[in-house]
Amino acid sequence: AVRDELQGRVGREIDETALMRAASDIFTLHEPLLRVIDRLKRAGLRLIVVSNTCPPHVEWIGRQWDVLERFDELVFSFEVGAMKPAAEIYQAAIELAGCEAGECFFVDDLPENVEAARALGLAGTVFSGVESLQAALARAGVSAACESE
């Protein structure tokens, strides 16, 4: 599909492995955030990823790090058929959370995604760093995110 289109445009064969690496090598691991995620998990909170992504990105991340295994559920746009900020992707996450929307706390780096989640009744914050995330979680009554190692 994409590879075929690119090959047609450049007039030569493109190595699929190299293409997938080039398309996926855009991620970096945020170590301080992982520590917060681990503390939340140890506190017994249910953690769910909600991501606008594609299968090659998920596969690449899975080969690089064990970050996705830290979560209880994974909600990917390509599986749900809707991307943030569409309501359907949040509804899928709420359903998997097994609680009311108001009991959920949504974190995203894009304000429009947080606003869409809030419109459905989720609490949330725009991620701009670990310290501000910890403060927002503490305001929401989630003190486990702020505890020391």
C-alpha atoms as a PDB file:
ATOM      1  CA  ALA A   1       0.000   0.000   0.000  1.00  0.00           C
ATOM      2  CA  VAL A   2       2.200   2.890   1.223  1.00  0.00           C
ATOM      3  CA  ARG A   3       5.375   1.098   0.200  1.00  0.00           C
ATOM      4  CA  ASP A   4       3.937   0.378  -3.255  1.00  0.00           C
ATOM      5  CA  GLU A   5       2.937   4.029  -3.669  1.00  0.00           C
ATOM      6  CA  LEU A   6       6.400   5.227  -2.648  1.00  0.00           C
ATOM      7  CA  GLN A   7       8.123   2.733  -4.935  1.00  0.00           C
ATOM      8  CA  GLY A   8       5.991   3.967  -7.825  1.00  0.00           C
ATOM      9  CA  ARG A   9       6.854   7.578  -7.103  1.00  0.00           C
ATOM     10  CA  VAL A  10      10.612   7.090  -6.730  1.00  0.00           C
ATOM     11  CA  GLY A  11      10.893   4.467  -9.449  1.00  0.00           C
ATOM     12  CA  ARG A  12      12.816   1.924  -7.417  1.00  0.00           C
ATOM     13  CA  GLU A  13      12.282  -0.797  -4.843  1.00  0.00           C
ATOM     14  CA  ILE A  14      12.221   0.235  -1.183  1.00  0.00           C
ATOM     15  CA  ASP A  15      13.337  -2.189   1.513  1.00  0.00           C
ATOM     16  CA  GLU A  16      10.316  -2.823   3.739  1.00  0.00           C
ATOM     17  CA  THR A  17      12.355  -3.165   6.947  1.00  0.00           C
ATOM     18  CA  ALA A  18      14.171   0.108   6.295  1.00  0.00           C
ATOM     19  CA  LEU A  19      10.898   1.854   5.483  1.00  0.00           C
ATOM     20  CA  MET A  20       9.243   0.621   8.703  1.00  0.00           C
ATOM     21  CA  ARG A  21      12.280   1.725  10.730  1.00  0.00           C
ATOM     22  CA  ALA A  22      12.257   5.161   9.096  1.00  0.00           C
ATOM     23  CA  ALA A  23       8.521   5.535   9.696  1.00  0.00           C
ATOM     24  CA  SER A  24       8.697   4.366  13.310  1.00  0.00           C
ATOM     25  CA  ASP A  25      11.987   5.675  14.636  1.00  0.00           C
ATOM     26  CA  ILE A  26      10.252   8.842  15.811  1.00  0.00           C
ATOM     27  CA  PHE A  27       9.673   7.794  19.405  1.00  0.00           C
ATOM     28  CA  THR A  28      11.793   8.331  22.471  1.00  0.00           C
ATOM     29  CA  LEU A  29      11.296   6.806  25.887  1.00  0.00           C
ATOM     30  CA  HIS A  30      10.453   9.318  28.614  1.00  0.00           C
ATOM     31  CA  GLU A  31      12.123   7.689  31.638  1.00  0.00           C
ATOM     32  CA  PRO A  32      10.713  10.056  34.300  1.00  0.00           C
ATOM     33  CA  LEU A  33       7.186   9.395  33.025  1.00  0.00           C
ATOM     34  CA  LEU A  34       7.788   5.648  33.243  1.00  0.00           C
ATOM     35  CA  ARG A  35       8.500   6.033  36.954  1.00  0.00           C
ATOM     36  CA  VAL A  36       5.138   7.779  37.425  1.00  0.00           C
ATOM     37  CA  ILE A  37       3.378   5.061  35.416  1.00  0.00           C
ATOM     38  CA  ASP A  38       5.042   2.374  37.531  1.00  0.00           C
ATOM     39  CA  ARG A  39       3.996   4.093  40.788  1.00  0.00           C
ATOM     40  CA  LEU A  40       0.402   4.378  39.566  1.00  0.00           C
ATOM     41  CA  LYS A  41       0.414   0.712  38.619  1.00  0.00           C
ATOM     42  CA  ARG A  42       1.845  -0.344  42.007  1.00  0.00           C
ATOM     43  CA  ALA A  43      -0.922   1.698  43.657  1.00  0.00           C
ATOM     44  CA  GLY A  44      -3.417  -0.576  41.916  1.00  0.00           C
ATOM     45  CA  LEU A  45      -4.767   1.910  39.393  1.00  0.00           C
ATOM     46  CA  ARG A  46      -6.047   0.631  36.066  1.00  0.00           C
ATOM     47  CA  LEU A  47      -3.957   2.133  33.248  1.00  0.00           C
ATOM     48  CA  ILE A  48      -5.089   2.375  29.652  1.00  0.00           C
ATOM     49  CA  VAL A  49      -3.252   3.687  26.590  1.00  0.00           C
ATOM     50  CA  VAL A  50      -5.350   5.648  24.082  1.00  0.00           C
ATOM     51  CA  SER A  51      -3.299   6.280  20.964  1.00  0.00           C
ATOM     52  CA  ASN A  52      -3.679   7.452  17.395  1.00  0.00           C
ATOM     53  CA  THR A  53      -1.242   5.012  15.900  1.00  0.00           C
ATOM     54  CA  CYS A  54      -0.715   2.254  13.378  1.00  0.00           C
ATOM     55  CA  PRO A  55       0.405  -1.389  13.625  1.00  0.00           C
ATOM     56  CA  PRO A  56       4.023  -0.736  12.524  1.00  0.00           C
ATOM     57  CA  HIS A  57       4.433   1.860  15.293  1.00  0.00           C
ATOM     58  CA  VAL A  58       3.015  -0.496  17.919  1.00  0.00           C
ATOM     59  CA  GLU A  59       5.307  -3.286  16.727  1.00  0.00           C
ATOM     60  CA  TRP A  60       8.360  -1.004  16.700  1.00  0.00           C
ATOM     61  CA  ILE A  61       7.663   0.319  20.208  1.00  0.00           C
ATOM     62  CA  GLY A  62       7.149  -3.243  21.440  1.00  0.00           C
ATOM     63  CA  ARG A  63      10.536  -4.277  20.065  1.00  0.00           C
ATOM     64  CA  GLN A  64      12.301  -1.269  21.605  1.00  0.00           C
ATOM     65  CA  TRP A  65      10.811  -1.061  25.101  1.00  0.00           C
ATOM     66  CA  ASP A  66       8.505  -2.834  27.536  1.00  0.00           C
ATOM     67  CA  VAL A  67       6.341   0.248  28.026  1.00  0.00           C
ATOM     68  CA  LEU A  68       3.086  -1.138  26.613  1.00  0.00           C
ATOM     69  CA  GLU A  69       3.199  -4.112  28.986  1.00  0.00           C
ATOM     70  CA  ARG A  70       2.811  -1.678  31.877  1.00  0.00           C
ATOM     71  CA  PHE A  71      -0.781  -0.947  30.843  1.00  0.00           C
ATOM     72  CA  ASP A  72      -3.919  -2.964  31.500  1.00  0.00           C
ATOM     73  CA  GLU A  73      -5.542  -2.143  28.170  1.00  0.00           C
ATOM     74  CA  LEU A  74      -4.463  -0.673  24.846  1.00  0.00           C
ATOM     75  CA  VAL A  75      -6.895   1.376  22.759  1.00  0.00           C
ATOM     76  CA  PHE A  76      -5.468   2.052  19.324  1.00  0.00           C
ATOM     77  CA  SER A  77      -7.168   4.168  16.685  1.00  0.00           C
ATOM     78  CA  PHE A  78      -6.557   1.572  13.983  1.00  0.00           C
ATOM     79  CA  GLU A  79      -8.475  -1.009  16.035  1.00  0.00           C
ATOM     80  CA  VAL A  80     -11.322   1.271  17.119  1.00  0.00           C
ATOM     81  CA  GLY A  81     -11.748   2.918  13.715  1.00  0.00           C
ATOM     82  CA  ALA A  82     -11.659   6.405  15.238  1.00  0.00           C
ATOM     83  CA  MET A  83      -8.885   8.816  16.155  1.00  0.00           C
ATOM     84  CA  LYS A  84      -8.589  11.293  18.996  1.00  0.00           C
ATOM     85  CA  PRO A  85     -10.369  13.672  19.377  1.00  0.00           C
ATOM     86  CA  ALA A  86     -13.361  11.612  18.109  1.00  0.00           C
ATOM     87  CA  ALA A  87     -15.685  10.511  20.925  1.00  0.00           C
ATOM     88  CA  GLU A  88     -15.610   6.851  19.845  1.00  0.00           C
ATOM     89  CA  ILE A  89     -12.020   6.266  20.908  1.00  0.00           C
ATOM     90  CA  TYR A  90     -12.657   7.700  24.371  1.00  0.00           C
ATOM     91  CA  GLN A  91     -15.853   5.665  24.698  1.00  0.00           C
ATOM     92  CA  ALA A  92     -13.871   2.504  23.914  1.00  0.00           C
ATOM     93  CA  ALA A  93     -11.386   3.381  26.669  1.00  0.00           C
ATOM     94  CA  ILE A  94     -14.145   4.150  29.184  1.00  0.00           C
ATOM     95  CA  GLU A  95     -15.776   0.814  28.422  1.00  0.00           C
ATOM     96  CA  LEU A  96     -12.489  -1.034  28.958  1.00  0.00           C
ATOM     97  CA  ALA A  97     -11.874   0.914  32.165  1.00  0.00           C
ATOM     98  CA  GLY A  98     -15.063  -0.575  33.566  1.00  0.00           C
ATOM     99  CA  CYS A  99     -16.076   2.577  35.415  1.00  0.00           C
ATOM    100  CA  GLU A 100     -17.845   5.874  34.896  1.00  0.00           C
ATOM    101  CA  ALA A 101     -16.174   8.547  32.757  1.00  0.00           C
ATOM    102  CA  GLY A 102     -15.852  10.829  35.779  1.00  0.00           C
ATOM    103  CA  GLU A 103     -13.694   8.226  37.493  1.00  0.00           C
ATOM    104  CA  CYS A 104     -11.166   8.335  34.645  1.00  0.00           C
ATOM    105  CA  PHE A 105      -8.214  10.694  34.294  1.00  0.00           C
ATOM    106  CA  PHE A 106      -6.998  11.356  30.752  1.00  0.00           C
ATOM    107  CA  VAL A 107      -3.510  12.641  29.887  1.00  0.00           C
ATOM    108  CA  ASP A 108      -2.445  13.776  26.415  1.00  0.00           C
ATOM    109  CA  ASP A 109       0.075  16.181  24.947  1.00  0.00           C
ATOM    110  CA  LEU A 110      -2.521  17.829  22.698  1.00  0.00           C
ATOM    111  CA  PRO A 111      -5.026  20.240  24.286  1.00  0.00           C
ATOM    112  CA  GLU A 112      -7.754  19.390  21.769  1.00  0.00           C
ATOM    113  CA  ASN A 113      -7.601  15.719  22.809  1.00  0.00           C
ATOM    114  CA  VAL A 114      -7.901  16.606  26.496  1.00  0.00           C
ATOM    115  CA  GLU A 115     -10.806  18.959  25.744  1.00  0.00           C
ATOM    116  CA  ALA A 116     -12.609  16.187  23.843  1.00  0.00           C
ATOM    117  CA  ALA A 117     -12.125  13.808  26.767  1.00  0.00           C
ATOM    118  CA  ARG A 118     -13.415  16.426  29.221  1.00  0.00           C
ATOM    119  CA  ALA A 119     -16.483  16.953  27.026  1.00  0.00           C
ATOM    120  CA  LEU A 120     -17.317  13.285  27.659  1.00  0.00           C
ATOM    121  CA  GLY A 121     -16.935  13.689  31.404  1.00  0.00           C
ATOM    122  CA  LEU A 122     -13.351  12.523  31.932  1.00  0.00           C
ATOM    123  CA  ALA A 123     -11.008  14.517  34.126  1.00  0.00           C
ATOM    124  CA  GLY A 124      -7.702  15.264  32.469  1.00  0.00           C
ATOM    125  CA  THR A 125      -4.660  17.344  31.849  1.00  0.00           C
ATOM    126  CA  VAL A 126      -2.348  18.318  29.032  1.00  0.00           C
ATOM    127  CA  PHE A 127       1.034  16.661  29.517  1.00  0.00           C
ATOM    128  CA  SER A 128       3.835  19.198  29.587  1.00  0.00           C
ATOM    129  CA  GLY A 129       6.128  17.417  32.008  1.00  0.00           C
ATOM    130  CA  VAL A 130       6.210  15.025  34.937  1.00  0.00           C
ATOM    131  CA  GLU A 131       5.973  17.699  37.628  1.00  0.00           C
ATOM    132  CA  SER A 132       2.836  19.295  36.194  1.00  0.00           C
ATOM    133  CA  LEU A 133       1.320  15.841  35.656  1.00  0.00           C
ATOM    134  CA  GLN A 134       1.981  14.897  39.268  1.00  0.00           C
ATOM    135  CA  ALA A 135       0.399  18.155  40.437  1.00  0.00           C
ATOM    136  CA  ALA A 136      -2.698  17.563  38.273  1.00  0.00           C
ATOM    137  CA  LEU A 137      -3.020  14.000  39.551  1.00  0.00           C
ATOM    138  CA  ALA A 138      -2.643  15.186  43.153  1.00  0.00           C
ATOM    139  CA  ARG A 139      -5.407  17.778  42.588  1.00  0.00           C
ATOM    140  CA  ALA A 140      -7.559  14.913  41.302  1.00  0.00           C
ATOM    141  CA  GLY A 141      -6.850  12.936  44.476  1.00  0.00           C
ATOM    142  CA  VAL A 142      -4.271  10.556  43.023  1.00  0.00           C
ATOM    143  CA  SER A 143      -1.397  10.941  45.451  1.00  0.00           C
ATOM    144  CA  ALA A 144       0.367   7.728  44.357  1.00  0.00           C
ATOM    145  CA  ALA A 145       1.914   9.563  41.377  1.00  0.00           C
ATOM    146  CA  CYS A 146       3.849  11.876  43.688  1.00  0.00           C
ATOM    147  CA  GLU A 147       5.316   9.318  46.065  1.00  0.00           C
ATOM    148  CA  SER A 148       9.060   8.811  46.102  1.00  0.00           C
ATOM    149  CA  GLU A 149      10.675   5.618  44.922  1.00  0.00           C
END
